[in-house]
Amino acid sequence: GGTSAAAPNWAAFTAIYDDEAGALSKAKLGFAN
């Protein structure tokens, strides 16, 4: 565990987000905050 597991978890989810955004011709997440 550790927050070392949380950071790549969110990064991986962002990859899924960006993948779907690209398929829908939508903007990717970008500057996340």
PDB file of all heavy atoms in Angstrom:
ATOM      1  N   GLY A   1       0.839  -1.190   0.000  1.00  0.00           N
ATOM      2  CA  GLY A   1       0.000   0.000   0.000  1.00  0.00           C
ATOM      3  C   GLY A   1       0.869   1.232   0.000  1.00  0.00           C
ATOM      4  O   GLY A   1       1.944   1.251  -0.591  1.00  0.00           O
ATOM      5  N   GLY A   2       0.398   2.264   0.695  1.00  0.00           N
ATOM      6  CA  GLY A   2       1.091   3.546   0.669  1.00  0.00           C
ATOM      7  C   GLY A   2       0.517   4.424  -0.426  1.00  0.00           C
ATOM      8  O   GLY A   2      -0.113   3.941  -1.378  1.00  0.00           O
ATOM      9  N   THR A   3       0.712   5.731  -0.275  1.00  0.00           N
ATOM     10  CA  THR A   3       0.214   6.630  -1.320  1.00  0.00           C
ATOM     11  C   THR A   3       0.979   6.433  -2.617  1.00  0.00           C
ATOM     12  O   THR A   3       0.581   6.951  -3.658  1.00  0.00           O
ATOM     13  CB  THR A   3       0.280   8.101  -0.862  1.00  0.00           C
ATOM     14  OG1 THR A   3       1.601   8.420  -0.413  1.00  0.00           O
ATOM     15  CG2 THR A   3      -0.709   8.345   0.283  1.00  0.00           C
ATOM     16  N   SER A   4       2.045   5.645  -2.566  1.00  0.00           N
ATOM     17  CA  SER A   4       2.738   5.223  -3.782  1.00  0.00           C
ATOM     18  C   SER A   4       1.826   4.382  -4.668  1.00  0.00           C
ATOM     19  O   SER A   4       2.078   4.260  -5.871  1.00  0.00           O
ATOM     20  CB  SER A   4       3.983   4.403  -3.433  1.00  0.00           C
ATOM     21  OG  SER A   4       5.022   5.214  -2.976  1.00  0.00           O
ATOM     22  N   ALA A   5       0.811   3.771  -4.091  1.00  0.00           N
ATOM     23  CA  ALA A   5      -0.156   3.029  -4.900  1.00  0.00           C
ATOM     24  C   ALA A   5      -1.255   3.943  -5.429  1.00  0.00           C
ATOM     25  O   ALA A   5      -1.858   3.667  -6.472  1.00  0.00           O
ATOM     26  CB  ALA A   5      -0.767   1.897  -4.071  1.00  0.00           C
ATOM     27  N   ALA A   6      -1.522   5.037  -4.718  1.00  0.00           N
ATOM     28  CA  ALA A   6      -2.602   5.944  -5.122  1.00  0.00           C
ATOM     29  C   ALA A   6      -2.222   6.794  -6.333  1.00  0.00           C
ATOM     30  O   ALA A   6      -3.045   7.021  -7.224  1.00  0.00           O
ATOM     31  CB  ALA A   6      -2.988   6.838  -3.949  1.00  0.00           C
ATOM     32  N   ALA A   7      -0.984   7.293  -6.364  1.00  0.00           N
ATOM     33  CA  ALA A   7      -0.571   8.168  -7.479  1.00  0.00           C
ATOM     34  C   ALA A   7      -0.611   7.446  -8.826  1.00  0.00           C
ATOM     35  O   ALA A   7      -1.224   7.947  -9.779  1.00  0.00           O
ATOM     36  CB  ALA A   7       0.810   8.758  -7.199  1.00  0.00           C
ATOM     37  N   PRO A   8       0.014   6.258  -8.976  1.00  0.00           N
ATOM     38  CA  PRO A   8      -0.087   5.580 -10.276  1.00  0.00           C
ATOM     39  C   PRO A   8      -1.499   5.100 -10.586  1.00  0.00           C
ATOM     40  O   PRO A   8      -1.853   4.931 -11.759  1.00  0.00           O
ATOM     41  CB  PRO A   8       0.891   4.408 -10.132  1.00  0.00           C
ATOM     42  CG  PRO A   8       1.034   4.189  -8.658  1.00  0.00           C
ATOM     43  CD  PRO A   8       0.905   5.555  -8.049  1.00  0.00           C
ATOM     44  N   ASN A   9      -2.312   4.858  -9.552  1.00  0.00           N
ATOM     45  CA  ASN A   9      -3.717   4.504  -9.767  1.00  0.00           C
ATOM     46  C   ASN A   9      -4.416   5.632 -10.524  1.00  0.00           C
ATOM     47  O   ASN A   9      -5.088   5.413 -11.549  1.00  0.00           O
ATOM     48  CB  ASN A   9      -4.379   4.256  -8.405  1.00  0.00           C
ATOM     49  CG  ASN A   9      -5.818   3.757  -8.499  1.00  0.00           C
ATOM     50  OD1 ASN A   9      -6.532   4.038  -9.451  1.00  0.00           O
ATOM     51  ND2 ASN A   9      -6.255   3.027  -7.475  1.00  0.00           N
ATOM     52  N   TRP A  10      -4.271   6.864 -10.042  1.00  0.00           N
ATOM     53  CA  TRP A  10      -4.884   8.005 -10.717  1.00  0.00           C
ATOM     54  C   TRP A  10      -4.260   8.249 -12.092  1.00  0.00           C
ATOM     55  O   TRP A  10      -4.957   8.641 -13.040  1.00  0.00           O
ATOM     56  CB  TRP A  10      -4.782   9.256  -9.844  1.00  0.00           C
ATOM     57  CG  TRP A  10      -5.959   9.416  -8.940  1.00  0.00           C
ATOM     58  CD1 TRP A  10      -6.109   8.930  -7.680  1.00  0.00           C
ATOM     59  CD2 TRP A  10      -7.176  10.100  -9.241  1.00  0.00           C
ATOM     60  NE1 TRP A  10      -7.345   9.260  -7.169  1.00  0.00           N
ATOM     61  CE2 TRP A  10      -8.032   9.989  -8.106  1.00  0.00           C
ATOM     62  CE3 TRP A  10      -7.643  10.809 -10.352  1.00  0.00           C
ATOM     63  CZ2 TRP A  10      -9.304  10.551  -8.060  1.00  0.00           C
ATOM     64  CZ3 TRP A  10      -8.929  11.366 -10.306  1.00  0.00           C
ATOM     65  CH2 TRP A  10      -9.744  11.231  -9.180  1.00  0.00           C
ATOM     66  N   ALA A  11      -2.968   8.006 -12.227  1.00  0.00           N
ATOM     67  CA  ALA A  11      -2.314   8.173 -13.535  1.00  0.00           C
ATOM     68  C   ALA A  11      -2.875   7.178 -14.544  1.00  0.00           C
ATOM     69  O   ALA A  11      -3.135   7.522 -15.708  1.00  0.00           O
ATOM     70  CB  ALA A  11      -0.802   7.994 -13.386  1.00  0.00           C
ATOM     71  N   ALA A  12      -3.067   5.928 -14.097  1.00  0.00           N
ATOM     72  CA  ALA A  12      -3.628   4.911 -14.982  1.00  0.00           C
ATOM     73  C   ALA A  12      -5.059   5.251 -15.372  1.00  0.00           C
ATOM     74  O   ALA A  12      -5.466   5.079 -16.534  1.00  0.00           O
ATOM     75  CB  ALA A  12      -3.577   3.551 -14.286  1.00  0.00           C
ATOM     76  N   PHE A  13      -5.850   5.724 -14.401  1.00  0.00           N
ATOM     77  CA  PHE A  13      -7.217   6.142 -14.717  1.00  0.00           C
ATOM     78  C   PHE A  13      -7.215   7.288 -15.727  1.00  0.00           C
ATOM     79  O   PHE A  13      -8.053   7.345 -16.624  1.00  0.00           O
ATOM     80  CB  PHE A  13      -7.954   6.562 -13.445  1.00  0.00           C
ATOM     81  CG  PHE A  13      -9.305   7.167 -13.705  1.00  0.00           C
ATOM     82  CD1 PHE A  13     -10.296   6.448 -14.349  1.00  0.00           C
ATOM     83  CD2 PHE A  13      -9.580   8.474 -13.327  1.00  0.00           C
ATOM     84  CE1 PHE A  13     -11.543   7.014 -14.609  1.00  0.00           C
ATOM     85  CE2 PHE A  13     -10.819   9.046 -13.572  1.00  0.00           C
ATOM     86  CZ  PHE A  13     -11.807   8.312 -14.225  1.00  0.00           C
ATOM     87  N   THR A  14      -6.260   8.190 -15.608  1.00  0.00           N
ATOM     88  CA  THR A  14      -6.151   9.298 -16.566  1.00  0.00           C
ATOM     89  C   THR A  14      -5.852   8.773 -17.965  1.00  0.00           C
ATOM     90  O   THR A  14      -6.336   9.325 -18.963  1.00  0.00           O
ATOM     91  CB  THR A  14      -5.065  10.290 -16.110  1.00  0.00           C
ATOM     92  OG1 THR A  14      -5.415  10.792 -14.813  1.00  0.00           O
ATOM     93  CG2 THR A  14      -4.937  11.464 -17.076  1.00  0.00           C
ATOM     94  N   ALA A  15      -5.063   7.696 -18.070  1.00  0.00           N
ATOM     95  CA  ALA A  15      -4.797   7.100 -19.379  1.00  0.00           C
ATOM     96  C   ALA A  15      -6.083   6.568 -19.996  1.00  0.00           C
ATOM     97  O   ALA A  15      -6.320   6.714 -21.209  1.00  0.00           O
ATOM     98  CB  ALA A  15      -3.765   5.984 -19.240  1.00  0.00           C
ATOM     99  N   ILE A  16      -6.942   5.956 -19.177  1.00  0.00           N
ATOM    100  CA  ILE A  16      -8.240   5.494 -19.670  1.00  0.00           C
ATOM    101  C   ILE A  16      -9.097   6.683 -20.087  1.00  0.00           C
ATOM    102  O   ILE A  16      -9.741   6.676 -21.147  1.00  0.00           O
ATOM    103  CB  ILE A  16      -8.950   4.657 -18.582  1.00  0.00           C
ATOM    104  CG1 ILE A  16      -8.214   3.338 -18.380  1.00  0.00           C
ATOM    105  CG2 ILE A  16     -10.411   4.415 -18.953  1.00  0.00           C
ATOM    106  CD1 ILE A  16      -8.778   2.475 -17.273  1.00  0.00           C
ATOM    107  N   TYR A  17      -9.106   7.717 -19.250  1.00  0.00           N
ATOM    108  CA  TYR A  17      -9.859   8.936 -19.566  1.00  0.00           C
ATOM    109  C   TYR A  17      -9.400   9.514 -20.906  1.00  0.00           C
ATOM    110  O   TYR A  17     -10.216   9.832 -21.789  1.00  0.00           O
ATOM    111  CB  TYR A  17      -9.646   9.956 -18.447  1.00  0.00           C
ATOM    112  CG  TYR A  17     -10.380  11.275 -18.635  1.00  0.00           C
ATOM    113  CD1 TYR A  17     -11.519  11.570 -17.891  1.00  0.00           C
ATOM    114  CD2 TYR A  17      -9.930  12.247 -19.538  1.00  0.00           C
ATOM    115  CE1 TYR A  17     -12.189  12.781 -18.043  1.00  0.00           C
ATOM    116  CE2 TYR A  17     -10.583  13.456 -19.693  1.00  0.00           C
ATOM    117  CZ  TYR A  17     -11.715  13.708 -18.954  1.00  0.00           C
ATOM    118  OH  TYR A  17     -12.356  14.922 -19.120  1.00  0.00           O
ATOM    119  N   ASP A  18      -8.104   9.674 -21.072  1.00  0.00           N
ATOM    120  CA  ASP A  18      -7.573  10.274 -22.297  1.00  0.00           C
ATOM    121  C   ASP A  18      -7.832   9.402 -23.519  1.00  0.00           C
ATOM    122  O   ASP A  18      -8.053   9.915 -24.633  1.00  0.00           O
ATOM    123  CB  ASP A  18      -6.068  10.531 -22.146  1.00  0.00           C
ATOM    124  CG  ASP A  18      -5.759  11.697 -21.216  1.00  0.00           C
ATOM    125  OD1 ASP A  18      -6.702  12.363 -20.748  1.00  0.00           O
ATOM    126  OD2 ASP A  18      -4.558  11.940 -20.955  1.00  0.00           O
ATOM    127  N   ASP A  19      -7.789   8.088 -23.334  1.00  0.00           N
ATOM    128  CA  ASP A  19      -8.099   7.152 -24.416  1.00  0.00           C
ATOM    129  C   ASP A  19      -9.533   7.365 -24.898  1.00  0.00           C
ATOM    130  O   ASP A  19      -9.797   7.514 -26.104  1.00  0.00           O
ATOM    131  CB  ASP A  19      -7.896   5.728 -23.901  1.00  0.00           C
ATOM    132  CG  ASP A  19      -8.117   4.664 -24.971  1.00  0.00           C
ATOM    133  OD1 ASP A  19      -8.379   4.996 -26.134  1.00  0.00           O
ATOM    134  OD2 ASP A  19      -8.021   3.463 -24.611  1.00  0.00           O
ATOM    135  N   GLU A  20     -10.476   7.411 -23.967  1.00  0.00           N
ATOM    136  CA  GLU A  20     -11.878   7.613 -24.345  1.00  0.00           C
ATOM    137  C   GLU A  20     -12.110   9.013 -24.900  1.00  0.00           C
ATOM    138  O   GLU A  20     -12.853   9.191 -25.871  1.00  0.00           O
ATOM    139  CB  GLU A  20     -12.795   7.371 -23.141  1.00  0.00           C
ATOM    140  CG  GLU A  20     -14.271   7.507 -23.488  1.00  0.00           C
ATOM    141  CD  GLU A  20     -15.196   7.022 -22.385  1.00  0.00           C
ATOM    142  OE1 GLU A  20     -14.726   6.362 -21.446  1.00  0.00           O
ATOM    143  OE2 GLU A  20     -16.422   7.302 -22.487  1.00  0.00           O
ATOM    144  N   ALA A  21     -11.463  10.014 -24.294  1.00  0.00           N
ATOM    145  CA  ALA A  21     -11.614  11.387 -24.787  1.00  0.00           C
ATOM    146  C   ALA A  21     -11.156  11.494 -26.238  1.00  0.00           C
ATOM    147  O   ALA A  21     -11.816  12.141 -27.067  1.00  0.00           O
ATOM    148  CB  ALA A  21     -10.816  12.346 -23.913  1.00  0.00           C
ATOM    149  N   GLY A  22     -10.037  10.850 -26.551  1.00  0.00           N
ATOM    150  CA  GLY A  22      -9.544  10.884 -27.925  1.00  0.00           C
ATOM    151  C   GLY A  22     -10.511  10.239 -28.893  1.00  0.00           C
ATOM    152  O   GLY A  22     -10.738  10.746 -30.005  1.00  0.00           O
ATOM    153  N   ALA A  23     -11.114   9.119 -28.475  1.00  0.00           N
ATOM    154  CA  ALA A  23     -12.066   8.426 -29.345  1.00  0.00           C
ATOM    155  C   ALA A  23     -13.317   9.256 -29.584  1.00  0.00           C
ATOM    156  O   ALA A  23     -13.964   9.149 -30.642  1.00  0.00           O
ATOM    157  CB  ALA A  23     -12.438   7.081 -28.721  1.00  0.00           C
ATOM    158  N   LEU A  24     -13.659  10.095 -28.615  1.00  0.00           N
ATOM    159  CA  LEU A  24     -14.861  10.933 -28.718  1.00  0.00           C
ATOM    160  C   LEU A  24     -14.560  12.337 -29.232  1.00  0.00           C
ATOM    161  O   LEU A  24     -15.451  13.193 -29.276  1.00  0.00           O
ATOM    162  CB  LEU A  24     -15.533  11.042 -27.344  1.00  0.00           C
ATOM    163  CG  LEU A  24     -16.035   9.734 -26.721  1.00  0.00           C
ATOM    164  CD1 LEU A  24     -16.557   9.981 -25.316  1.00  0.00           C
ATOM    165  CD2 LEU A  24     -17.114   9.105 -27.596  1.00  0.00           C
ATOM    166  N   SER A  25     -13.305  12.560 -29.622  1.00  0.00           N
ATOM    167  CA  SER A  25     -12.857  13.878 -30.086  1.00  0.00           C
ATOM    168  C   SER A  25     -13.081  14.953 -29.028  1.00  0.00           C
ATOM    169  O   SER A  25     -13.437  16.095 -29.335  1.00  0.00           O
ATOM    170  CB  SER A  25     -13.571  14.259 -31.398  1.00  0.00           C
ATOM    171  OG  SER A  25     -13.266  13.337 -32.414  1.00  0.00           O
ATOM    172  N   LYS A  26     -12.880  14.553 -27.778  1.00  0.00           N
ATOM    173  CA  LYS A  26     -12.997  15.480 -26.654  1.00  0.00           C
ATOM    174  C   LYS A  26     -11.599  15.836 -26.130  1.00  0.00           C
ATOM    175  O   LYS A  26     -10.625  15.144 -26.416  1.00  0.00           O
ATOM    176  CB  LYS A  26     -13.821  14.858 -25.519  1.00  0.00           C
ATOM    177  CG  LYS A  26     -15.249  14.496 -25.888  1.00  0.00           C
ATOM    178  CD  LYS A  26     -16.117  15.722 -26.050  1.00  0.00           C
ATOM    179  CE  LYS A  26     -17.573  15.381 -26.292  1.00  0.00           C
ATOM    180  NZ  LYS A  26     -18.229  14.771 -25.123  1.00  0.00           N
ATOM    181  N   ALA A  27     -11.526  16.904 -25.364  1.00  0.00           N
ATOM    182  CA  ALA A  27     -10.246  17.314 -24.784  1.00  0.00           C
ATOM    183  C   ALA A  27      -9.807  16.304 -23.730  1.00  0.00           C
ATOM    184  O   ALA A  27     -10.622  15.778 -22.963  1.00  0.00           O
ATOM    185  CB  ALA A  27     -10.368  18.695 -24.152  1.00  0.00           C
ATOM    186  N   LYS A  28      -8.514  16.045 -23.681  1.00  0.00           N
ATOM    187  CA  LYS A  28      -7.973  15.152 -22.668  1.00  0.00           C
ATOM    188  C   LYS A  28      -7.932  15.878 -21.323  1.00  0.00           C
ATOM    189  O   LYS A  28      -8.173  17.073 -21.240  1.00  0.00           O
ATOM    190  CB  LYS A  28      -6.605  14.646 -23.099  1.00  0.00           C
ATOM    191  CG  LYS A  28      -6.676  13.828 -24.384  1.00  0.00           C
ATOM    192  CD  LYS A  28      -5.351  13.195 -24.775  1.00  0.00           C
ATOM    193  CE  LYS A  28      -5.519  12.348 -26.038  1.00  0.00           C
ATOM    194  NZ  LYS A  28      -4.263  11.640 -26.405  1.00  0.00           N
ATOM    195  N   LEU A  29      -7.617  15.136 -20.271  1.00  0.00           N
ATOM    196  CA  LEU A  29      -7.701  15.713 -18.936  1.00  0.00           C
ATOM    197  C   LEU A  29      -6.759  16.902 -18.774  1.00  0.00           C
ATOM    198  O   LEU A  29      -7.113  17.924 -18.191  1.00  0.00           O
ATOM    199  CB  LEU A  29      -7.395  14.656 -17.877  1.00  0.00           C
ATOM    200  CG  LEU A  29      -7.781  15.031 -16.446  1.00  0.00           C
ATOM    201  CD1 LEU A  29      -9.298  15.128 -16.307  1.00  0.00           C
ATOM    202  CD2 LEU A  29      -7.227  14.013 -15.454  1.00  0.00           C
ATOM    203  N   GLY A  30      -5.530  16.802 -19.290  1.00  0.00           N
ATOM    204  CA  GLY A  30      -4.584  17.921 -19.212  1.00  0.00           C
ATOM    205  C   GLY A  30      -4.195  18.243 -17.781  1.00  0.00           C
ATOM    206  O   GLY A  30      -4.006  17.341 -16.965  1.00  0.00           O
ATOM    207  N   PHE A  31      -4.060  19.545 -17.474  1.00  0.00           N
ATOM    208  CA  PHE A  31      -3.718  19.960 -16.113  1.00  0.00           C
ATOM    209  C   PHE A  31      -4.815  19.456 -15.192  1.00  0.00           C
ATOM    210  O   PHE A  31      -5.923  19.982 -15.165  1.00  0.00           O
ATOM    211  CB  PHE A  31      -3.590  21.479 -16.062  1.00  0.00           C
ATOM    212  CG  PHE A  31      -3.407  22.036 -14.675  1.00  0.00           C
ATOM    213  CD1 PHE A  31      -2.563  21.424 -13.769  1.00  0.00           C
ATOM    214  CD2 PHE A  31      -4.077  23.184 -14.285  1.00  0.00           C
ATOM    215  CE1 PHE A  31      -2.402  21.933 -12.476  1.00  0.00           C
ATOM    216  CE2 PHE A  31      -3.915  23.712 -13.006  1.00  0.00           C
ATOM    217  CZ  PHE A  31      -3.082  23.075 -12.104  1.00  0.00           C
ATOM    218  N   ALA A  32      -4.500  18.408 -14.421  1.00  0.00           N
ATOM    219  CA  ALA A  32      -5.532  17.639 -13.730  1.00  0.00           C
ATOM    220  C   ALA A  32      -6.289  18.438 -12.680  1.00  0.00           C
ATOM    221  O   ALA A  32      -7.518  18.298 -12.560  1.00  0.00           O
ATOM    222  CB  ALA A  32      -4.916  16.392 -13.103  1.00  0.00           C
ATOM    223  N   ASN A  33      -5.617  19.255 -11.897  1.00  0.00           N
ATOM    224  CA  ASN A  33      -6.321  19.960 -10.822  1.00  0.00           C
ATOM    225  C   ASN A  33      -7.431  20.857 -11.349  1.00  0.00           C
ATOM    226  O   ASN A  33      -8.487  20.977 -10.725  1.00  0.00           O
ATOM    227  CB  ASN A  33      -5.332  20.775  -9.988  1.00  0.00           C
ATOM    228  CG  ASN A  33      -4.592  19.918  -8.984  1.00  0.00           C
ATOM    229  OD1 ASN A  33      -5.012  18.806  -8.688  1.00  0.00           O
ATOM    230  ND2 ASN A  33      -3.483  20.423  -8.464  1.00  0.00           N
TER     231      ASN A  33
END
